[in-house]
């Protein structure tokens, strides 16, 4: 396998990983947000208030940034209400308890991403990678060469 083909294979693995994680987050959020009649009522109210309203579940997606043909960044995008759901923000703190949906999905998957990156970048990377989502995930992954 030529070096360029190898790079494309690993880039495709990273893209596949990102899409898989966004699909897992959509399923996770879908299972926790529309369980009650009140949640359905809030969604209908939001649709009437904002014509461009999209439910959190459908707003979750993965964006890939490439530089010189190589994946350099993975972005997970979603509606702002996703952070409120994660941290339990709201007018009445007793009513709005945190419902983590990002950390339970991404935290276990970071090791898979580290393995993919280790295969591709082990010769260029230092001895660890830092992955951080402010207020949600702050983790260092050790890279072992060999």
N, C-alpha and C. Protein backbone atom coordinates (compact mmCIF):
# COMPACT_ATOMS: atom_id res chain seq x y z
N UNK A 1 0.85 -1.17 0.00
CA UNK A 1 0.00 0.00 0.00
C UNK A 1 0.90 1.24 0.00
N UNK A 2 0.64 2.15 -0.89
CA UNK A 2 1.44 3.37 -0.98
C UNK A 2 1.12 4.30 0.18
N UNK A 3 2.03 5.23 0.45
CA UNK A 3 1.87 6.13 1.60
C UNK A 3 0.61 6.98 1.48
N UNK A 4 0.30 7.48 0.27
CA UNK A 4 -0.90 8.29 0.06
C UNK A 4 -2.18 7.51 0.31
N UNK A 5 -2.20 6.26 -0.13
CA UNK A 5 -3.37 5.40 0.09
C UNK A 5 -3.56 5.14 1.58
N UNK A 6 -2.45 4.95 2.29
CA UNK A 6 -2.48 4.70 3.73
C UNK A 6 -3.08 5.91 4.45
N UNK A 7 -2.64 7.12 4.06
CA UNK A 7 -3.14 8.35 4.68
C UNK A 7 -4.64 8.50 4.44
N UNK A 8 -5.09 8.21 3.20
CA UNK A 8 -6.52 8.30 2.88
C UNK A 8 -7.33 7.29 3.69
N UNK A 9 -6.76 6.11 3.91
CA UNK A 9 -7.45 5.08 4.70
C UNK A 9 -7.67 5.58 6.13
N UNK A 10 -6.62 6.17 6.74
CA UNK A 10 -6.74 6.64 8.11
C UNK A 10 -7.66 7.85 8.19
N UNK A 11 -7.59 8.74 7.21
CA UNK A 11 -8.51 9.88 7.19
C UNK A 11 -9.95 9.40 7.12
N UNK A 12 -10.20 8.39 6.30
CA UNK A 12 -11.55 7.84 6.19
C UNK A 12 -11.98 7.18 7.50
N UNK A 13 -11.06 6.55 8.21
CA UNK A 13 -11.39 5.96 9.51
C UNK A 13 -11.78 7.05 10.51
N UNK A 14 -11.08 8.18 10.49
CA UNK A 14 -11.40 9.29 11.39
C UNK A 14 -12.76 9.88 11.06
N UNK A 15 -13.06 10.05 9.77
CA UNK A 15 -14.36 10.57 9.34
C UNK A 15 -15.48 9.61 9.76
N UNK A 16 -15.25 8.32 9.56
CA UNK A 16 -16.23 7.31 9.96
C UNK A 16 -16.45 7.34 11.46
N UNK A 17 -15.36 7.47 12.24
CA UNK A 17 -15.46 7.57 13.70
C UNK A 17 -16.33 8.76 14.09
N UNK A 18 -16.09 9.92 13.49
CA UNK A 18 -16.84 11.13 13.83
C UNK A 18 -18.32 10.97 13.50
N UNK A 19 -18.64 10.42 12.35
CA UNK A 19 -20.05 10.21 11.97
C UNK A 19 -20.73 9.21 12.90
N UNK A 20 -20.02 8.17 13.28
CA UNK A 20 -20.57 7.18 14.20
C UNK A 20 -20.88 7.80 15.56
N UNK A 21 -19.97 8.64 16.06
CA UNK A 21 -20.20 9.28 17.37
C UNK A 21 -21.37 10.24 17.31
N UNK A 22 -21.52 10.99 16.21
CA UNK A 22 -22.66 11.91 16.12
C UNK A 22 -23.97 11.12 16.03
N UNK A 23 -23.96 9.97 15.35
CA UNK A 23 -25.16 9.13 15.30
C UNK A 23 -25.50 8.58 16.69
N UNK A 24 -24.47 8.18 17.45
CA UNK A 24 -24.71 7.69 18.81
C UNK A 24 -25.29 8.80 19.69
N UNK A 25 -24.76 10.02 19.55
CA UNK A 25 -25.28 11.14 20.34
C UNK A 25 -26.73 11.44 19.98
N UNK A 26 -27.08 11.35 18.68
CA UNK A 26 -28.47 11.58 18.26
C UNK A 26 -29.40 10.56 18.90
N UNK A 27 -28.99 9.28 18.88
CA UNK A 27 -29.82 8.24 19.51
C UNK A 27 -29.94 8.46 21.01
N UNK A 28 -28.85 8.82 21.65
CA UNK A 28 -28.84 9.03 23.10
C UNK A 28 -29.77 10.18 23.47
N UNK A 29 -29.67 11.31 22.75
CA UNK A 29 -30.51 12.47 23.03
C UNK A 29 -31.97 12.16 22.71
N UNK A 30 -32.20 11.47 21.62
CA UNK A 30 -33.58 11.12 21.25
C UNK A 30 -34.27 10.29 22.31
N UNK A 31 -33.52 9.44 22.97
CA UNK A 31 -34.09 8.60 24.02
C UNK A 31 -34.36 9.34 25.32
N UNK A 32 -33.75 10.51 25.50
CA UNK A 32 -33.93 11.21 26.77
C UNK A 32 -34.77 12.49 26.68
N UNK A 33 -35.00 13.02 25.50
CA UNK A 33 -35.66 14.32 25.43
C UNK A 33 -37.16 14.28 25.18
N UNK A 34 -37.65 13.34 24.44
CA UNK A 34 -39.09 13.34 24.15
C UNK A 34 -39.82 12.22 24.88
N UNK A 35 -39.56 12.10 26.16
CA UNK A 35 -40.19 11.06 26.95
C UNK A 35 -41.53 11.50 27.55
N UNK A 36 -41.71 12.79 27.74
CA UNK A 36 -42.90 13.25 28.43
C UNK A 36 -43.77 14.11 27.53
N UNK A 37 -45.00 14.29 27.95
CA UNK A 37 -45.93 15.14 27.24
C UNK A 37 -45.46 16.60 27.29
N UNK A 38 -44.85 16.98 28.42
CA UNK A 38 -44.35 18.35 28.57
C UNK A 38 -43.23 18.64 27.57
N UNK A 39 -42.36 17.67 27.31
CA UNK A 39 -41.27 17.86 26.35
C UNK A 39 -41.84 18.07 24.95
N UNK A 40 -42.87 17.31 24.58
CA UNK A 40 -43.51 17.49 23.28
C UNK A 40 -44.17 18.87 23.19
N UNK A 41 -44.79 19.31 24.28
CA UNK A 41 -45.41 20.64 24.31
C UNK A 41 -44.36 21.73 24.13
N UNK A 42 -43.22 21.61 24.81
CA UNK A 42 -42.14 22.60 24.68
C UNK A 42 -41.62 22.65 23.25
N UNK A 43 -41.52 21.50 22.59
CA UNK A 43 -41.04 21.47 21.22
C UNK A 43 -42.01 22.19 20.29
N UNK A 44 -43.30 21.97 20.46
CA UNK A 44 -44.30 22.65 19.64
C UNK A 44 -44.27 24.15 19.89
N UNK A 45 -44.11 24.55 21.13
CA UNK A 45 -44.03 25.98 21.47
C UNK A 45 -42.81 26.62 20.80
N UNK A 46 -41.67 25.92 20.83
CA UNK A 46 -40.45 26.44 20.22
C UNK A 46 -40.61 26.57 18.70
N UNK A 47 -41.30 25.62 18.08
CA UNK A 47 -41.55 25.70 16.63
C UNK A 47 -42.38 26.92 16.27
N UNK A 48 -43.39 27.22 17.08
CA UNK A 48 -44.23 28.40 16.81
C UNK A 48 -43.45 29.68 17.01
N UNK A 49 -42.56 29.70 17.99
CA UNK A 49 -41.79 30.90 18.32
C UNK A 49 -40.68 31.16 17.29
N UNK A 50 -40.05 30.11 16.80
CA UNK A 50 -38.93 30.24 15.87
C UNK A 50 -39.19 29.37 14.65
N UNK A 51 -39.36 30.00 13.49
CA UNK A 51 -39.69 29.26 12.28
C UNK A 51 -38.55 28.35 11.82
N UNK A 52 -37.31 28.63 12.24
CA UNK A 52 -36.16 27.82 11.85
C UNK A 52 -35.77 26.82 12.93
N UNK A 53 -36.66 26.55 13.86
CA UNK A 53 -36.38 25.64 14.97
C UNK A 53 -36.11 24.23 14.44
N UNK A 54 -35.06 23.61 14.98
CA UNK A 54 -34.73 22.22 14.70
C UNK A 54 -34.52 21.53 16.04
N UNK A 55 -35.17 20.41 16.30
CA UNK A 55 -34.96 19.71 17.57
C UNK A 55 -33.49 19.35 17.76
N UNK A 56 -33.07 19.28 19.01
CA UNK A 56 -31.68 18.99 19.34
C UNK A 56 -31.21 17.71 18.65
N UNK A 57 -32.01 16.69 18.68
CA UNK A 57 -31.62 15.40 18.10
C UNK A 57 -31.22 15.54 16.63
N UNK A 58 -31.99 16.29 15.86
CA UNK A 58 -31.69 16.44 14.43
C UNK A 58 -30.58 17.45 14.16
N UNK A 59 -30.25 18.27 15.16
CA UNK A 59 -29.22 19.29 14.94
C UNK A 59 -27.80 18.76 15.16
N UNK A 60 -27.68 17.57 15.73
CA UNK A 60 -26.35 17.01 16.04
C UNK A 60 -25.69 16.50 14.76
N UNK A 61 -24.45 16.91 14.56
CA UNK A 61 -23.71 16.46 13.39
C UNK A 61 -22.22 16.60 13.61
N UNK A 62 -21.46 15.98 12.75
CA UNK A 62 -20.00 16.05 12.82
C UNK A 62 -19.49 16.82 11.62
N UNK A 63 -18.58 17.73 11.88
CA UNK A 63 -17.93 18.48 10.81
C UNK A 63 -16.46 18.12 10.79
N UNK A 64 -15.93 18.00 9.61
CA UNK A 64 -14.52 17.63 9.44
C UNK A 64 -13.81 18.78 8.74
N UNK A 65 -12.68 19.19 9.29
CA UNK A 65 -11.86 20.22 8.64
C UNK A 65 -10.59 19.54 8.14
N UNK A 66 -10.27 19.85 6.89
CA UNK A 66 -9.06 19.29 6.29
C UNK A 66 -8.08 20.40 5.97
N UNK A 67 -6.83 20.10 6.09
CA UNK A 67 -5.77 21.02 5.71
C UNK A 67 -4.75 20.22 4.90
N UNK A 68 -4.51 20.65 3.67
CA UNK A 68 -3.61 19.94 2.76
C UNK A 68 -4.04 18.49 2.58
N UNK A 69 -5.35 18.27 2.50
CA UNK A 69 -5.89 16.95 2.25
C UNK A 69 -5.90 16.02 3.44
N UNK A 70 -5.54 16.51 4.63
CA UNK A 70 -5.46 15.67 5.82
C UNK A 70 -6.44 16.19 6.88
N UNK A 71 -7.14 15.30 7.56
CA UNK A 71 -8.07 15.71 8.61
C UNK A 71 -7.28 16.38 9.74
N UNK A 72 -7.68 17.61 10.08
CA UNK A 72 -6.99 18.32 11.16
C UNK A 72 -7.92 18.64 12.33
N UNK A 73 -9.22 18.57 12.11
CA UNK A 73 -10.14 18.91 13.20
C UNK A 73 -11.47 18.19 13.00
N UNK A 74 -12.04 17.78 14.13
CA UNK A 74 -13.39 17.21 14.15
C UNK A 74 -14.23 18.13 15.02
N UNK A 75 -15.32 18.63 14.46
CA UNK A 75 -16.25 19.48 15.22
C UNK A 75 -17.57 18.75 15.36
N UNK A 76 -18.11 18.77 16.56
CA UNK A 76 -19.47 18.27 16.76
C UNK A 76 -20.34 19.49 16.96
N UNK A 77 -21.35 19.64 16.12
CA UNK A 77 -22.22 20.81 16.22
C UNK A 77 -23.62 20.36 16.64
N UNK A 78 -24.28 21.26 17.37
CA UNK A 78 -25.63 20.99 17.83
C UNK A 78 -26.22 22.30 18.33
N UNK A 79 -27.54 22.30 18.54
CA UNK A 79 -28.21 23.49 19.05
C UNK A 79 -27.70 23.83 20.44
N UNK A 80 -27.79 25.08 20.76
CA UNK A 80 -27.30 25.59 22.04
C UNK A 80 -27.96 24.89 23.24
N UNK A 81 -29.19 24.46 23.06
CA UNK A 81 -29.90 23.80 24.16
C UNK A 81 -29.19 22.51 24.59
N UNK A 82 -28.32 21.97 23.76
CA UNK A 82 -27.58 20.77 24.12
C UNK A 82 -26.67 20.98 25.32
N UNK A 83 -26.06 22.16 25.41
CA UNK A 83 -25.21 22.48 26.56
C UNK A 83 -26.07 22.65 27.81
N UNK A 84 -27.26 23.27 27.65
CA UNK A 84 -28.17 23.42 28.79
C UNK A 84 -28.60 22.05 29.31
N UNK A 85 -28.86 21.12 28.39
CA UNK A 85 -29.25 19.77 28.79
C UNK A 85 -28.11 19.07 29.51
N UNK A 86 -26.89 19.23 28.98
CA UNK A 86 -25.70 18.61 29.58
C UNK A 86 -25.44 19.10 31.00
N UNK A 87 -25.59 20.41 31.22
CA UNK A 87 -25.26 21.00 32.51
C UNK A 87 -26.46 21.21 33.44
N UNK A 88 -27.67 21.05 32.93
CA UNK A 88 -28.85 21.23 33.76
C UNK A 88 -29.20 22.68 33.99
N UNK A 89 -28.94 23.54 33.03
CA UNK A 89 -29.23 24.96 33.19
C UNK A 89 -30.71 25.22 32.94
N UNK A 90 -31.25 26.17 33.68
CA UNK A 90 -32.64 26.56 33.52
C UNK A 90 -33.05 27.52 34.60
N UNK A 91 -34.29 27.97 34.53
CA UNK A 91 -34.79 28.94 35.51
C UNK A 91 -34.91 28.34 36.91
N UNK A 92 -35.35 27.09 36.96
CA UNK A 92 -35.56 26.42 38.24
C UNK A 92 -34.56 25.26 38.34
N UNK A 93 -33.50 25.44 39.14
CA UNK A 93 -32.44 24.44 39.23
C UNK A 93 -32.96 23.08 39.69
N UNK A 94 -33.97 23.05 40.52
CA UNK A 94 -34.51 21.78 41.00
C UNK A 94 -35.18 21.01 39.86
N UNK A 95 -35.77 21.74 38.92
CA UNK A 95 -36.46 21.12 37.80
C UNK A 95 -35.51 20.65 36.71
N UNK A 96 -34.45 21.43 36.47
CA UNK A 96 -33.54 21.15 35.38
C UNK A 96 -32.25 20.52 35.89
N UNK A 97 -32.28 19.24 36.11
CA UNK A 97 -31.10 18.51 36.56
C UNK A 97 -30.23 18.18 35.34
N UNK A 98 -28.91 18.10 35.52
CA UNK A 98 -28.04 17.75 34.39
C UNK A 98 -28.40 16.38 33.82
N UNK A 99 -28.43 16.32 32.49
CA UNK A 99 -28.67 15.07 31.78
C UNK A 99 -27.53 14.89 30.78
N UNK A 100 -26.40 14.38 31.23
CA UNK A 100 -25.25 14.25 30.35
C UNK A 100 -25.55 13.37 29.14
N UNK A 101 -25.20 13.87 27.97
CA UNK A 101 -25.38 13.11 26.73
C UNK A 101 -24.13 13.19 25.85
N UNK A 102 -23.23 14.13 26.11
CA UNK A 102 -22.00 14.22 25.32
C UNK A 102 -20.93 13.31 25.93
N UNK A 103 -20.69 13.49 27.22
CA UNK A 103 -19.64 12.74 27.90
C UNK A 103 -19.84 11.22 27.85
N UNK A 104 -21.05 10.69 28.11
CA UNK A 104 -21.21 9.24 28.07
C UNK A 104 -20.93 8.63 26.69
N UNK A 105 -21.09 9.42 25.63
CA UNK A 105 -20.84 8.90 24.29
C UNK A 105 -19.38 9.10 23.88
N UNK A 106 -18.86 10.31 24.06
CA UNK A 106 -17.52 10.61 23.57
C UNK A 106 -16.39 10.07 24.44
N UNK A 107 -16.58 10.06 25.75
CA UNK A 107 -15.49 9.65 26.63
C UNK A 107 -14.99 8.23 26.32
N UNK A 108 -15.86 7.23 26.18
CA UNK A 108 -15.36 5.89 25.84
C UNK A 108 -14.79 5.81 24.43
N UNK A 109 -15.29 6.66 23.53
CA UNK A 109 -14.87 6.59 22.13
C UNK A 109 -13.52 7.27 21.88
N UNK A 110 -13.06 8.06 22.81
CA UNK A 110 -11.79 8.77 22.63
C UNK A 110 -10.63 7.79 22.50
N UNK A 111 -10.69 6.68 23.21
CA UNK A 111 -9.62 5.69 23.09
C UNK A 111 -9.56 5.10 21.67
N UNK A 112 -10.73 4.90 21.05
CA UNK A 112 -10.76 4.41 19.67
C UNK A 112 -10.10 5.42 18.73
N UNK A 113 -10.42 6.70 18.91
CA UNK A 113 -9.82 7.74 18.09
C UNK A 113 -8.32 7.81 18.32
N UNK A 114 -7.89 7.65 19.56
CA UNK A 114 -6.47 7.67 19.87
C UNK A 114 -5.75 6.52 19.18
N UNK A 115 -6.37 5.35 19.11
CA UNK A 115 -5.76 4.20 18.42
C UNK A 115 -5.62 4.47 16.93
N UNK A 116 -6.66 5.06 16.32
CA UNK A 116 -6.60 5.40 14.89
C UNK A 116 -5.48 6.41 14.65
N UNK A 117 -5.42 7.43 15.50
CA UNK A 117 -4.40 8.46 15.34
C UNK A 117 -3.01 7.91 15.62
N UNK A 118 -2.91 6.99 16.56
CA UNK A 118 -1.62 6.38 16.88
C UNK A 118 -1.06 5.65 15.66
N UNK A 119 -1.91 4.93 14.94
CA UNK A 119 -1.47 4.21 13.76
C UNK A 119 -0.99 5.18 12.67
N UNK A 120 -1.62 6.32 12.58
CA UNK A 120 -1.28 7.25 11.52
C UNK A 120 -0.16 8.22 11.90
N UNK A 121 -0.19 8.71 13.14
CA UNK A 121 0.70 9.80 13.51
C UNK A 121 1.73 9.45 14.57
N UNK A 122 1.91 8.21 14.90
CA UNK A 122 2.80 7.86 16.01
C UNK A 122 4.21 8.39 15.82
N UNK A 123 4.67 8.45 14.59
CA UNK A 123 6.02 8.94 14.36
C UNK A 123 6.12 10.45 14.50
N UNK A 124 5.00 11.18 14.37
CA UNK A 124 5.02 12.64 14.45
C UNK A 124 4.53 13.17 15.79
N UNK A 125 3.71 12.42 16.47
CA UNK A 125 3.09 12.92 17.70
C UNK A 125 4.05 12.82 18.88
N UNK A 126 3.76 13.60 19.89
CA UNK A 126 4.52 13.50 21.13
C UNK A 126 4.09 12.26 21.87
N UNK A 127 4.17 12.29 23.17
CA UNK A 127 3.80 11.09 23.91
C UNK A 127 2.37 11.14 24.44
N UNK A 128 1.63 12.22 24.15
CA UNK A 128 0.24 12.24 24.55
C UNK A 128 -0.54 13.25 23.71
N UNK A 129 -1.85 13.04 23.68
CA UNK A 129 -2.77 13.93 22.97
C UNK A 129 -3.76 14.45 24.00
N UNK A 130 -4.05 15.72 23.97
CA UNK A 130 -5.03 16.30 24.89
C UNK A 130 -6.31 16.56 24.13
N UNK A 131 -7.40 16.05 24.66
CA UNK A 131 -8.72 16.25 24.08
C UNK A 131 -9.54 17.01 25.10
N UNK A 132 -10.10 18.14 24.69
CA UNK A 132 -10.81 18.99 25.64
C UNK A 132 -12.08 19.57 25.03
N UNK A 133 -13.17 19.41 25.76
CA UNK A 133 -14.41 20.11 25.50
C UNK A 133 -14.69 20.86 26.79
N UNK A 134 -14.56 22.18 26.78
CA UNK A 134 -14.64 22.96 28.03
C UNK A 134 -15.88 22.62 28.85
N UNK A 135 -15.65 22.27 30.10
CA UNK A 135 -16.73 21.98 31.03
C UNK A 135 -17.30 20.59 30.90
N UNK A 136 -16.85 19.81 29.91
CA UNK A 136 -17.44 18.48 29.71
C UNK A 136 -16.38 17.40 29.75
N UNK A 137 -15.36 17.49 28.87
CA UNK A 137 -14.31 16.49 28.81
C UNK A 137 -12.96 17.20 28.82
N UNK A 138 -12.07 16.74 29.65
CA UNK A 138 -10.69 17.19 29.63
C UNK A 138 -9.86 15.95 29.90
N UNK A 139 -9.23 15.44 28.87
CA UNK A 139 -8.59 14.14 29.00
C UNK A 139 -7.29 14.09 28.20
N UNK A 140 -6.33 13.40 28.73
CA UNK A 140 -5.07 13.17 28.03
C UNK A 140 -4.98 11.68 27.69
N UNK A 141 -4.54 11.39 26.48
CA UNK A 141 -4.41 10.02 26.02
C UNK A 141 -2.94 9.76 25.73
N UNK A 142 -2.38 8.76 26.38
CA UNK A 142 -0.99 8.39 26.17
C UNK A 142 -0.84 7.66 24.85
N UNK A 143 0.24 7.96 24.14
CA UNK A 143 0.57 7.27 22.89
C UNK A 143 1.82 6.45 23.16
N UNK A 144 1.72 5.17 22.90
CA UNK A 144 2.88 4.31 23.08
C UNK A 144 3.35 3.90 21.70
N UNK A 145 4.59 4.16 21.40
CA UNK A 145 5.16 3.79 20.10
C UNK A 145 5.73 2.39 20.20
N UNK A 146 5.09 1.50 19.49
CA UNK A 146 5.64 0.16 19.46
C UNK A 146 4.72 -0.79 20.00
